[in-house]
Amino acid sequence: MTLLARRARTGLITVLGLVGVMWAVFLLNLVLGNRLVQMLGIGPRRVDGLDGVVFGPLLHGGVEHLASNSFPLVVLGFLAFLEGARRFVVAVGISWLVSGLGTWVFGGGLTIGASGVVFGLFTYLITRGFYNRDWRQLLLAVVLFIAYGSILWGVLPTVGSNISWQAHLSGAAGGVIAAFLLKRKRPAPVGTDRFASDR
């Protein structure tokens, strides 16, 4: 089995496992009468709401909410994993953290859901090709933009909506940051010295 095939298999298992955890948490929250949302959602600018930065993306308000995040999370997460487990973990981790902290600082109310992570993975996959100057990644970015580009409207401020544009915008920023931090180091040009000349 090739390296890419192994990554594809492991990546699919990983992202399906993550989504499976979200569905399990959703069912547990139903059994507990929605208590997990109240306890572990992101409560903006409240110290007792900071734990939501970690747990908020695992919680969802309904089947439709969870389903709308599950499919893109599997697709985008799988594509991110093809570059390796470490890059996947860093991209998801930064998107998760920046989305949560941004929502905690700027959010308007109790916030739950993995959409910030989805936005982070999307912008990570879109921008990494520019940092790496990789035509294959740029081609994938074009395909993803055509398929999912309309979600970027979700980063715009909205009034009277239950959608957290703050989580979307913060997650998108996290994805760009992750792409920058994970950019490949370019090799030194052939024939150049790595150290200063003694002349």
N, C-alpha and C. Protein backbone atom coordinates (compact mmCIF):
# COMPACT_ATOMS: atom_id res chain seq x y z
N MET A 1 0.85 -1.19 0.00
CA MET A 1 0.00 0.00 0.00
C MET A 1 0.89 1.25 0.00
N THR A 2 0.59 2.20 -0.87
CA THR A 2 1.39 3.41 -0.97
C THR A 2 1.13 4.32 0.22
N LEU A 3 2.04 5.30 0.39
CA LEU A 3 1.90 6.26 1.49
C LEU A 3 0.58 7.03 1.37
N LEU A 4 0.25 7.46 0.15
CA LEU A 4 -0.99 8.21 -0.05
C LEU A 4 -2.21 7.36 0.30
N ALA A 5 -2.18 6.09 -0.08
CA ALA A 5 -3.30 5.19 0.22
C ALA A 5 -3.44 4.99 1.73
N ARG A 6 -2.31 4.86 2.42
CA ARG A 6 -2.36 4.71 3.88
C ARG A 6 -2.92 5.97 4.53
N ARG A 7 -2.47 7.12 4.04
CA ARG A 7 -2.99 8.38 4.59
C ARG A 7 -4.48 8.52 4.31
N ALA A 8 -4.90 8.12 3.12
CA ALA A 8 -6.31 8.21 2.77
C ALA A 8 -7.16 7.35 3.70
N ARG A 9 -6.71 6.13 3.94
CA ARG A 9 -7.46 5.24 4.82
C ARG A 9 -7.48 5.77 6.25
N THR A 10 -6.31 6.16 6.77
CA THR A 10 -6.24 6.68 8.13
C THR A 10 -7.01 7.98 8.27
N GLY A 11 -6.92 8.83 7.24
CA GLY A 11 -7.63 10.10 7.27
C GLY A 11 -9.14 9.91 7.31
N LEU A 12 -9.64 8.99 6.50
CA LEU A 12 -11.08 8.75 6.48
C LEU A 12 -11.56 8.22 7.83
N ILE A 13 -10.79 7.30 8.40
CA ILE A 13 -11.15 6.75 9.71
C ILE A 13 -11.13 7.86 10.77
N THR A 14 -10.13 8.73 10.69
CA THR A 14 -9.99 9.80 11.68
C THR A 14 -11.14 10.79 11.63
N VAL A 15 -11.46 11.29 10.43
CA VAL A 15 -12.50 12.30 10.33
C VAL A 15 -13.88 11.70 10.61
N LEU A 16 -14.10 10.46 10.19
CA LEU A 16 -15.37 9.80 10.52
C LEU A 16 -15.47 9.58 12.02
N GLY A 17 -14.34 9.29 12.66
CA GLY A 17 -14.34 9.14 14.11
C GLY A 17 -14.67 10.44 14.81
N LEU A 18 -14.10 11.56 14.32
CA LEU A 18 -14.40 12.86 14.90
C LEU A 18 -15.87 13.21 14.76
N VAL A 19 -16.41 12.99 13.57
CA VAL A 19 -17.83 13.26 13.36
C VAL A 19 -18.68 12.32 14.20
N GLY A 20 -18.24 11.07 14.34
CA GLY A 20 -18.96 10.12 15.19
C GLY A 20 -19.03 10.58 16.63
N VAL A 21 -17.93 11.16 17.12
CA VAL A 21 -17.93 11.71 18.48
C VAL A 21 -18.96 12.83 18.60
N MET A 22 -19.05 13.68 17.59
CA MET A 22 -20.02 14.77 17.61
C MET A 22 -21.45 14.25 17.67
N TRP A 23 -21.74 13.20 16.91
CA TRP A 23 -23.08 12.61 16.95
C TRP A 23 -23.35 11.96 18.30
N ALA A 24 -22.33 11.33 18.88
CA ALA A 24 -22.50 10.72 20.20
C ALA A 24 -22.77 11.79 21.26
N VAL A 25 -22.04 12.91 21.18
CA VAL A 25 -22.25 14.02 22.11
C VAL A 25 -23.65 14.60 21.93
N PHE A 26 -24.09 14.69 20.68
CA PHE A 26 -25.43 15.20 20.40
C PHE A 26 -26.50 14.34 21.06
N LEU A 27 -26.37 13.02 20.94
CA LEU A 27 -27.34 12.11 21.55
C LEU A 27 -27.28 12.19 23.07
N LEU A 28 -26.07 12.29 23.62
CA LEU A 28 -25.93 12.43 25.07
C LEU A 28 -26.58 13.71 25.56
N ASN A 29 -26.42 14.78 24.80
CA ASN A 29 -27.03 16.05 25.17
C ASN A 29 -28.56 15.95 25.17
N LEU A 30 -29.11 15.20 24.21
CA LEU A 30 -30.56 14.99 24.18
C LEU A 30 -31.02 14.26 25.43
N VAL A 31 -30.28 13.22 25.80
CA VAL A 31 -30.64 12.44 26.99
C VAL A 31 -30.59 13.31 28.24
N LEU A 32 -29.63 14.23 28.28
CA LEU A 32 -29.45 15.10 29.46
C LEU A 32 -30.30 16.36 29.41
N GLY A 33 -31.21 16.42 28.46
CA GLY A 33 -32.11 17.57 28.39
C GLY A 33 -31.43 18.87 28.02
N ASN A 34 -30.48 18.81 27.10
CA ASN A 34 -29.78 19.99 26.57
C ASN A 34 -28.85 20.65 27.59
N ARG A 35 -28.52 19.95 28.65
CA ARG A 35 -27.67 20.54 29.68
C ARG A 35 -26.25 20.79 29.21
N LEU A 36 -25.75 19.93 28.32
CA LEU A 36 -24.37 20.10 27.86
C LEU A 36 -24.19 21.42 27.12
N VAL A 37 -25.20 21.81 26.35
CA VAL A 37 -25.11 23.07 25.62
C VAL A 37 -24.98 24.23 26.59
N GLN A 38 -25.79 24.22 27.62
CA GLN A 38 -25.75 25.30 28.61
C GLN A 38 -24.44 25.30 29.40
N MET A 39 -23.91 24.12 29.65
CA MET A 39 -22.69 24.01 30.47
C MET A 39 -21.42 24.25 29.66
N LEU A 40 -21.40 23.79 28.40
CA LEU A 40 -20.15 23.73 27.66
C LEU A 40 -20.13 24.53 26.37
N GLY A 41 -21.18 25.32 26.12
CA GLY A 41 -21.15 26.21 24.97
C GLY A 41 -20.21 27.37 25.23
N ILE A 42 -19.85 28.10 24.17
CA ILE A 42 -18.97 29.27 24.33
C ILE A 42 -19.80 30.44 24.84
N GLY A 43 -19.51 30.87 26.06
CA GLY A 43 -20.18 32.04 26.64
C GLY A 43 -19.28 33.25 26.47
N PRO A 44 -19.58 34.14 25.53
CA PRO A 44 -18.69 35.26 25.23
C PRO A 44 -18.35 36.12 26.44
N ARG A 45 -17.05 36.38 26.58
CA ARG A 45 -16.51 37.29 27.58
C ARG A 45 -16.84 36.91 29.02
N ARG A 46 -17.12 35.63 29.24
CA ARG A 46 -17.34 35.12 30.59
C ARG A 46 -16.27 34.08 30.88
N VAL A 47 -15.65 34.18 32.04
CA VAL A 47 -14.61 33.23 32.40
C VAL A 47 -15.15 31.80 32.39
N ASP A 48 -16.37 31.63 32.89
CA ASP A 48 -16.95 30.28 32.92
C ASP A 48 -17.41 29.82 31.55
N GLY A 49 -17.27 30.68 30.54
CA GLY A 49 -17.61 30.28 29.18
C GLY A 49 -16.41 29.89 28.34
N LEU A 50 -15.21 29.99 28.95
CA LEU A 50 -13.99 29.67 28.21
C LEU A 50 -13.86 28.19 27.87
N ASP A 51 -14.45 27.32 28.71
CA ASP A 51 -14.36 25.89 28.39
C ASP A 51 -15.07 25.56 27.09
N GLY A 52 -15.96 26.45 26.66
CA GLY A 52 -16.63 26.25 25.39
C GLY A 52 -15.69 26.33 24.20
N VAL A 53 -14.54 27.00 24.38
CA VAL A 53 -13.54 27.04 23.31
C VAL A 53 -13.11 25.63 22.94
N VAL A 54 -13.04 24.76 23.94
CA VAL A 54 -12.64 23.37 23.72
C VAL A 54 -13.82 22.50 23.33
N PHE A 55 -14.93 22.66 24.04
CA PHE A 55 -16.05 21.73 23.88
C PHE A 55 -17.15 22.21 22.93
N GLY A 56 -17.23 23.51 22.70
CA GLY A 56 -18.30 24.06 21.88
C GLY A 56 -18.45 23.44 20.50
N PRO A 57 -17.34 23.20 19.76
CA PRO A 57 -17.48 22.61 18.43
C PRO A 57 -18.03 21.19 18.42
N LEU A 58 -18.02 20.52 19.55
CA LEU A 58 -18.57 19.17 19.62
C LEU A 58 -20.08 19.17 19.81
N LEU A 59 -20.64 20.32 20.16
CA LEU A 59 -22.07 20.43 20.48
C LEU A 59 -22.85 21.04 19.33
N HIS A 60 -24.08 20.58 19.14
CA HIS A 60 -24.94 21.10 18.09
C HIS A 60 -26.38 21.19 18.57
N GLY A 61 -27.10 22.15 17.99
CA GLY A 61 -28.45 22.43 18.47
C GLY A 61 -29.53 21.54 17.91
N GLY A 62 -29.24 20.78 16.86
CA GLY A 62 -30.25 19.92 16.26
C GLY A 62 -29.64 19.05 15.19
N VAL A 63 -30.44 18.13 14.67
CA VAL A 63 -29.95 17.21 13.64
C VAL A 63 -29.52 17.96 12.39
N GLU A 64 -30.31 18.94 11.98
CA GLU A 64 -29.97 19.71 10.78
C GLU A 64 -28.66 20.46 10.96
N HIS A 65 -28.49 21.06 12.14
CA HIS A 65 -27.26 21.79 12.44
C HIS A 65 -26.05 20.86 12.36
N LEU A 66 -26.15 19.70 12.98
CA LEU A 66 -25.05 18.74 13.00
C LEU A 66 -24.79 18.16 11.61
N ALA A 67 -25.86 17.83 10.90
CA ALA A 67 -25.70 17.25 9.56
C ALA A 67 -25.05 18.24 8.60
N SER A 68 -25.39 19.53 8.74
CA SER A 68 -24.83 20.54 7.84
C SER A 68 -23.34 20.73 8.05
N ASN A 69 -22.84 20.37 9.24
CA ASN A 69 -21.41 20.46 9.51
C ASN A 69 -20.68 19.14 9.24
N SER A 70 -21.41 18.03 9.34
CA SER A 70 -20.77 16.72 9.26
C SER A 70 -20.16 16.45 7.88
N PHE A 71 -20.94 16.66 6.82
CA PHE A 71 -20.44 16.32 5.48
C PHE A 71 -19.23 17.16 5.08
N PRO A 72 -19.29 18.50 5.19
CA PRO A 72 -18.09 19.26 4.81
C PRO A 72 -16.90 18.98 5.71
N LEU A 73 -17.15 18.65 6.98
CA LEU A 73 -16.05 18.32 7.88
C LEU A 73 -15.34 17.04 7.44
N VAL A 74 -16.12 16.06 6.99
CA VAL A 74 -15.53 14.81 6.49
C VAL A 74 -14.73 15.08 5.21
N VAL A 75 -15.32 15.81 4.28
CA VAL A 75 -14.65 16.07 3.00
C VAL A 75 -13.38 16.89 3.19
N LEU A 76 -13.51 18.03 3.87
CA LEU A 76 -12.37 18.92 4.03
C LEU A 76 -11.30 18.32 4.95
N GLY A 77 -11.76 17.64 6.00
CA GLY A 77 -10.81 16.99 6.90
C GLY A 77 -10.03 15.90 6.20
N PHE A 78 -10.71 15.12 5.38
CA PHE A 78 -10.06 14.06 4.62
C PHE A 78 -8.99 14.63 3.69
N LEU A 79 -9.33 15.70 2.98
CA LEU A 79 -8.38 16.32 2.06
C LEU A 79 -7.18 16.89 2.81
N ALA A 80 -7.42 17.47 3.97
CA ALA A 80 -6.32 18.02 4.77
C ALA A 80 -5.40 16.91 5.28
N PHE A 81 -5.98 15.75 5.59
CA PHE A 81 -5.20 14.64 6.14
C PHE A 81 -4.26 14.02 5.12
N LEU A 82 -4.54 14.20 3.84
CA LEU A 82 -3.71 13.59 2.80
C LEU A 82 -2.28 14.11 2.82
N GLU A 83 -2.06 15.26 3.46
CA GLU A 83 -0.70 15.78 3.60
C GLU A 83 0.01 15.23 4.83
N GLY A 84 -0.71 14.46 5.64
CA GLY A 84 -0.10 13.87 6.82
C GLY A 84 -0.87 14.19 8.09
N ALA A 85 -0.72 13.32 9.07
CA ALA A 85 -1.46 13.46 10.32
C ALA A 85 -1.06 14.72 11.08
N ARG A 86 0.23 15.04 11.10
CA ARG A 86 0.68 16.20 11.86
C ARG A 86 0.08 17.49 11.31
N ARG A 87 0.12 17.65 10.01
CA ARG A 87 -0.45 18.86 9.41
C ARG A 87 -1.96 18.93 9.64
N PHE A 88 -2.61 17.78 9.57
CA PHE A 88 -4.05 17.75 9.83
C PHE A 88 -4.35 18.20 11.26
N VAL A 89 -3.62 17.65 12.22
CA VAL A 89 -3.85 18.00 13.62
C VAL A 89 -3.59 19.48 13.87
N VAL A 90 -2.52 20.01 13.29
CA VAL A 90 -2.20 21.42 13.48
C VAL A 90 -3.27 22.30 12.83
N ALA A 91 -3.69 21.97 11.62
CA ALA A 91 -4.70 22.77 10.92
C ALA A 91 -6.02 22.76 11.67
N VAL A 92 -6.46 21.59 12.11
CA VAL A 92 -7.70 21.50 12.87
C VAL A 92 -7.55 22.20 14.21
N GLY A 93 -6.42 21.97 14.88
CA GLY A 93 -6.22 22.56 16.20
C GLY A 93 -6.22 24.08 16.18
N ILE A 94 -5.51 24.67 15.22
CA ILE A 94 -5.46 26.13 15.13
C ILE A 94 -6.82 26.68 14.75
N SER A 95 -7.50 26.05 13.79
CA SER A 95 -8.84 26.50 13.40
C SER A 95 -9.80 26.42 14.58
N TRP A 96 -9.72 25.33 15.32
CA TRP A 96 -10.57 25.11 16.50
C TRP A 96 -10.32 26.19 17.54
N LEU A 97 -9.04 26.43 17.85
CA LEU A 97 -8.67 27.38 18.91
C LEU A 97 -8.99 28.82 18.53
N VAL A 98 -8.59 29.23 17.32
CA VAL A 98 -8.82 30.62 16.90
C VAL A 98 -10.30 30.90 16.75
N SER A 99 -11.04 29.94 16.21
CA SER A 99 -12.49 30.10 16.09
C SER A 99 -13.13 30.28 17.46
N GLY A 100 -12.73 29.43 18.40
CA GLY A 100 -13.30 29.51 19.74
C GLY A 100 -12.96 30.79 20.47
N LEU A 101 -11.69 31.18 20.41
CA LEU A 101 -11.27 32.40 21.10
C LEU A 101 -11.89 33.64 20.46
N GLY A 102 -11.96 33.65 19.13
CA GLY A 102 -12.59 34.78 18.45
C GLY A 102 -14.05 34.90 18.81
N THR A 103 -14.73 33.77 18.92
CA THR A 103 -16.14 33.78 19.31
C THR A 103 -16.29 34.22 20.76
N TRP A 104 -15.38 33.78 21.61
CA TRP A 104 -15.44 34.17 23.03
C TRP A 104 -15.25 35.68 23.19
N VAL A 105 -14.37 36.27 22.38
CA VAL A 105 -14.10 37.70 22.48
C VAL A 105 -15.19 38.53 21.81
N PHE A 106 -15.63 38.13 20.63
CA PHE A 106 -16.52 38.96 19.82
C PHE A 106 -17.95 38.44 19.70
N GLY A 107 -18.21 37.23 20.19
CA GLY A 107 -19.53 36.63 20.01
C GLY A 107 -20.65 37.40 20.70
N GLY A 108 -21.87 37.15 20.22
CA GLY A 108 -23.01 37.86 20.77
C GLY A 108 -23.84 37.06 21.74
N GLY A 109 -23.60 35.78 21.85
CA GLY A 109 -24.39 34.93 22.74
C GLY A 109 -23.81 33.54 22.80
N LEU A 110 -24.46 32.66 23.54
CA LEU A 110 -24.00 31.28 23.68
C LEU A 110 -23.86 30.64 22.29
N THR A 111 -22.69 30.10 22.02
CA THR A 111 -22.38 29.60 20.68
C THR A 111 -21.90 28.16 20.73
N ILE A 112 -22.42 27.34 19.82
CA ILE A 112 -22.01 25.94 19.70
C ILE A 112 -21.88 25.60 18.22
N GLY A 113 -21.23 24.48 17.93
CA GLY A 113 -21.16 24.00 16.56
C GLY A 113 -19.76 24.00 15.99
N ALA A 114 -19.54 23.13 15.01
CA ALA A 114 -18.22 22.94 14.40
C ALA A 114 -18.03 23.76 13.13
N SER A 115 -18.93 24.70 12.85
CA SER A 115 -18.81 25.44 11.59
C SER A 115 -17.54 26.28 11.53
N GLY A 116 -17.06 26.76 12.68
CA GLY A 116 -15.81 27.50 12.68
C GLY A 116 -14.65 26.64 12.23
N VAL A 117 -14.64 25.38 12.64
CA VAL A 117 -13.60 24.44 12.21
C VAL A 117 -13.73 24.15 10.72
N VAL A 118 -14.96 24.03 10.23
CA VAL A 118 -15.20 23.82 8.80
C VAL A 118 -14.64 24.99 8.00
N PHE A 119 -14.93 26.21 8.44
CA PHE A 119 -14.40 27.39 7.75
C PHE A 119 -12.88 27.41 7.79
N GLY A 120 -12.31 27.00 8.94
CA GLY A 120 -10.87 26.96 9.06
C GLY A 120 -10.22 25.98 8.10
N LEU A 121 -10.77 24.79 7.99
CA LEU A 121 -10.23 23.80 7.06
C LEU A 121 -10.39 24.27 5.61
N PHE A 122 -11.50 24.94 5.33
CA PHE A 122 -11.74 25.44 3.98
C PHE A 122 -10.67 26.47 3.59
N THR A 123 -10.45 27.47 4.44
CA THR A 123 -9.46 28.50 4.09
C THR A 123 -8.04 27.95 4.14
N TYR A 124 -7.81 26.96 4.99
CA TYR A 124 -6.49 26.30 5.00
C TYR A 124 -6.21 25.65 3.65
N LEU A 125 -7.17 24.89 3.15
CA LEU A 125 -7.00 24.21 1.87
C LEU A 125 -6.95 25.18 0.70
N ILE A 126 -7.63 26.32 0.83
CA ILE A 126 -7.64 27.32 -0.23
C ILE A 126 -6.31 28.07 -0.30
N THR A 127 -5.75 28.42 0.87
CA THR A 127 -4.58 29.31 0.89
C THR A 127 -3.23 28.60 0.92
N ARG A 128 -3.19 27.33 1.30
CA ARG A 128 -1.88 26.67 1.44
C ARG A 128 -1.14 26.60 0.12
N GLY A 129 -1.88 26.46 -0.99
CA GLY A 129 -1.24 26.39 -2.29
C GLY A 129 -0.50 27.67 -2.65
N PHE A 130 -1.01 28.82 -2.20
CA PHE A 130 -0.35 30.09 -2.46
C PHE A 130 0.96 30.18 -1.66
N TYR A 131 0.92 29.74 -0.42
CA TYR A 131 2.13 29.75 0.40
C TYR A 131 3.17 28.77 -0.13
N ASN A 132 2.71 27.60 -0.56
CA ASN A 132 3.63 26.55 -1.00
C ASN A 132 4.01 26.64 -2.47
N ARG A 133 3.28 27.47 -3.22
CA ARG A 133 3.47 27.59 -4.67
C ARG A 133 3.40 26.22 -5.33
N ASP A 134 2.36 25.50 -4.96
CA ASP A 134 2.15 24.14 -5.44
C ASP A 134 0.94 24.14 -6.37
N TRP A 135 1.15 23.80 -7.65
CA TRP A 135 0.07 23.89 -8.62
C TRP A 135 -1.05 22.90 -8.34
N ARG A 136 -0.70 21.75 -7.75
CA ARG A 136 -1.73 20.76 -7.42
C ARG A 136 -2.65 21.27 -6.31
N GLN A 137 -2.04 21.88 -5.31
CA GLN A 137 -2.84 22.46 -4.23
C GLN A 137 -3.66 23.64 -4.73
N LEU A 138 -3.10 24.42 -5.65
CA LEU A 138 -3.84 25.54 -6.22
C LEU A 138 -5.02 25.05 -7.05
N LEU A 139 -4.82 23.96 -7.79
CA LEU A 139 -5.91 23.38 -8.57
C LEU A 139 -7.02 22.89 -7.65
N LEU A 140 -6.64 22.22 -6.56
CA LEU A 140 -7.64 21.78 -5.58
C LEU A 140 -8.36 22.97 -4.98
N ALA A 141 -7.62 24.06 -4.74
CA ALA A 141 -8.23 25.27 -4.18
C ALA A 141 -9.31 25.81 -5.11
N VAL A 142 -9.04 25.80 -6.41
CA VAL A 142 -10.02 26.27 -7.39
C VAL A 142 -11.27 25.40 -7.35
N VAL A 143 -11.08 24.08 -7.32
CA VAL A 143 -12.21 23.15 -7.27
C VAL A 143 -13.03 23.37 -6.01
N LEU A 144 -12.35 23.51 -4.87
CA LEU A 144 -13.05 23.72 -3.60
C LEU A 144 -13.79 25.05 -3.60
N PHE A 145 -13.17 26.07 -4.19
CA PHE A 145 -13.82 27.38 -4.21
C PHE A 145 -15.08 27.33 -5.05
N ILE A 146 -15.03 26.61 -6.16
CA ILE A 146 -16.22 26.46 -7.00
C ILE A 146 -17.32 25.70 -6.26
N ALA A 147 -16.90 24.65 -5.53
CA ALA A 147 -17.87 23.79 -4.85
C ALA A 147 -18.42 24.40 -3.57
N TYR A 148 -17.55 25.06 -2.80
CA TYR A 148 -17.94 25.53 -1.47
C TYR A 148 -17.76 27.03 -1.25
N GLY A 149 -17.32 27.74 -2.28
CA GLY A 149 -16.99 29.15 -2.11
C GLY A 149 -18.12 30.00 -1.55
N SER A 150 -19.35 29.60 -1.80
CA SER A 150 -20.49 30.39 -1.32
C SER A 150 -20.57 30.45 0.20
N ILE A 151 -19.91 29.52 0.89
CA ILE A 151 -19.98 29.55 2.36
C ILE A 151 -19.28 30.78 2.92
N LEU A 152 -18.40 31.40 2.12
CA LEU A 152 -17.67 32.56 2.61
C LEU A 152 -18.59 33.74 2.92
N TRP A 153 -19.81 33.71 2.37
CA TRP A 153 -20.78 34.74 2.77
C TRP A 153 -21.06 34.66 4.26
N GLY A 154 -20.81 33.49 4.84
CA GLY A 154 -21.09 33.30 6.26
C GLY A 154 -20.16 34.05 7.19
N VAL A 155 -19.09 34.66 6.66
CA VAL A 155 -18.19 35.44 7.52
C VAL A 155 -18.67 36.88 7.67
N LEU A 156 -19.69 37.26 6.91
CA LEU A 156 -20.18 38.64 6.97
C LEU A 156 -21.12 38.82 8.15
N PRO A 157 -21.02 39.96 8.83
CA PRO A 157 -21.91 40.21 9.98
C PRO A 157 -23.37 40.15 9.59
N THR A 158 -24.17 39.51 10.43
CA THR A 158 -25.61 39.41 10.21
C THR A 158 -26.34 39.87 11.47
N VAL A 159 -27.53 40.38 11.27
CA VAL A 159 -28.35 40.86 12.38
C VAL A 159 -29.59 39.98 12.49
N GLY A 160 -29.95 39.62 13.71
CA GLY A 160 -31.15 38.83 13.93
C GLY A 160 -31.07 37.42 13.41
N SER A 161 -29.87 36.84 13.42
CA SER A 161 -29.67 35.48 12.93
C SER A 161 -29.07 34.62 14.02
N ASN A 162 -29.41 33.32 13.98
CA ASN A 162 -28.83 32.38 14.94
C ASN A 162 -27.47 31.86 14.49
N ILE A 163 -27.02 32.31 13.34
CA ILE A 163 -25.72 31.89 12.81
C ILE A 163 -24.62 32.79 13.36
N SER A 164 -23.56 32.19 13.87
CA SER A 164 -22.45 32.95 14.44
C SER A 164 -21.42 33.29 13.37
N TRP A 165 -21.56 34.48 12.79
CA TRP A 165 -20.57 34.90 11.81
C TRP A 165 -19.21 35.10 12.47
N GLN A 166 -19.22 35.39 13.78
CA GLN A 166 -17.95 35.55 14.49
C GLN A 166 -17.14 34.25 14.49
N ALA A 167 -17.84 33.13 14.71
CA ALA A 167 -17.17 31.82 14.68
C ALA A 167 -16.65 31.52 13.28
N HIS A 168 -17.44 31.85 12.27
CA HIS A 168 -17.05 31.59 10.88
C HIS A 168 -15.82 32.42 10.51
N LEU A 169 -15.86 33.72 10.83
CA LEU A 169 -14.76 34.61 10.48
C LEU A 169 -13.48 34.23 11.23
N SER A 170 -13.63 33.93 12.52
CA SER A 170 -12.46 33.54 13.32
C SER A 170 -11.88 32.22 12.84
N GLY A 171 -12.75 31.27 12.52
CA GLY A 171 -12.28 29.99 12.00
C GLY A 171 -11.55 30.16 10.68
N ALA A 172 -12.11 31.00 9.80
CA ALA A 172 -11.46 31.26 8.51
C ALA A 172 -10.08 31.87 8.71
N ALA A 173 -9.97 32.79 9.67
CA ALA A 173 -8.67 33.39 9.99
C ALA A 173 -7.71 32.32 10.51
N GLY A 174 -8.22 31.42 11.34
CA GLY A 174 -7.39 30.34 11.86
C GLY A 174 -6.84 29.45 10.76
N GLY A 175 -7.65 29.18 9.75
CA GLY A 175 -7.19 28.37 8.63
C GLY A 175 -6.06 29.02 7.85
N VAL A 176 -6.17 30.34 7.65
CA VAL A 176 -5.10 31.07 6.96
C VAL A 176 -3.82 31.05 7.79
N ILE A 177 -3.97 31.23 9.10
CA ILE A 177 -2.80 31.18 10.00
C ILE A 177 -2.15 29.80 9.94
N ALA A 178 -2.96 28.76 9.97
CA ALA A 178 -2.43 27.39 9.91
C ALA A 178 -1.67 27.15 8.61
N ALA A 179 -2.23 27.63 7.50
CA ALA A 179 -1.56 27.45 6.21
C ALA A 179 -0.21 28.15 6.19
N PHE A 180 -0.14 29.32 6.80
CA PHE A 180 1.12 30.06 6.86
C PHE A 180 2.14 29.33 7.72
N LEU A 181 1.71 28.86 8.89
CA LEU A 181 2.62 28.19 9.81
C LEU A 181 3.11 26.85 9.27
N LEU A 182 2.29 26.22 8.42
CA LEU A 182 2.64 24.91 7.88
C LEU A 182 3.24 24.97 6.48
N LYS A 183 3.53 26.18 6.01
CA LYS A 183 4.08 26.27 4.65
C LYS A 183 5.41 25.54 4.58
N ARG A 184 5.67 24.95 3.44
CA ARG A 184 6.88 24.17 3.26
C ARG A 184 8.10 25.09 3.14
N LYS A 185 9.19 24.62 3.71
CA LYS A 185 10.45 25.35 3.57
C LYS A 185 11.02 25.08 2.19
N ARG A 186 11.34 26.14 1.49
CA ARG A 186 11.88 25.97 0.15
C ARG A 186 13.38 25.67 0.23
N PRO A 187 13.85 24.71 -0.55
CA PRO A 187 15.29 24.39 -0.54
C PRO A 187 16.11 25.55 -1.08
N ALA A 188 17.33 25.67 -0.57
CA ALA A 188 18.23 26.71 -1.07
C ALA A 188 18.56 26.44 -2.53
N PRO A 189 18.70 27.49 -3.34
CA PRO A 189 19.03 27.31 -4.76
C PRO A 189 20.32 26.52 -4.92
N VAL A 190 20.35 25.67 -5.93
CA VAL A 190 21.53 24.85 -6.19
C VAL A 190 22.73 25.74 -6.50
N GLY A 191 23.86 25.42 -5.85
CA GLY A 191 25.08 26.16 -6.12
C GLY A 191 25.31 27.33 -5.19
N THR A 192 24.42 27.56 -4.23
CA THR A 192 24.62 28.65 -3.27
C THR A 192 25.06 28.07 -1.95
N ASP A 193 25.85 28.84 -1.23
CA ASP A 193 26.34 28.41 0.07
C ASP A 193 25.33 28.75 1.14
N ARG A 194 25.22 27.89 2.14
CA ARG A 194 24.31 28.15 3.26
C ARG A 194 24.93 29.12 4.24
N PHE A 195 26.26 29.27 4.20
CA PHE A 195 26.94 30.14 5.15
C PHE A 195 27.67 31.25 4.39
N ALA A 196 27.94 32.31 5.08
CA ALA A 196 28.61 33.44 4.45
C ALA A 196 30.01 33.05 3.98
N SER A 197 30.44 33.65 2.91
CA SER A 197 31.78 33.36 2.39
C SER A 197 32.84 33.94 3.31
N ASP A 198 34.02 33.30 3.33
CA ASP A 198 35.13 33.79 4.15
C ASP A 198 35.91 34.89 3.45
N ARG A 199 35.54 35.14 2.19
CA ARG A 199 36.32 36.13 1.46
C ARG A 199 36.07 37.53 2.00
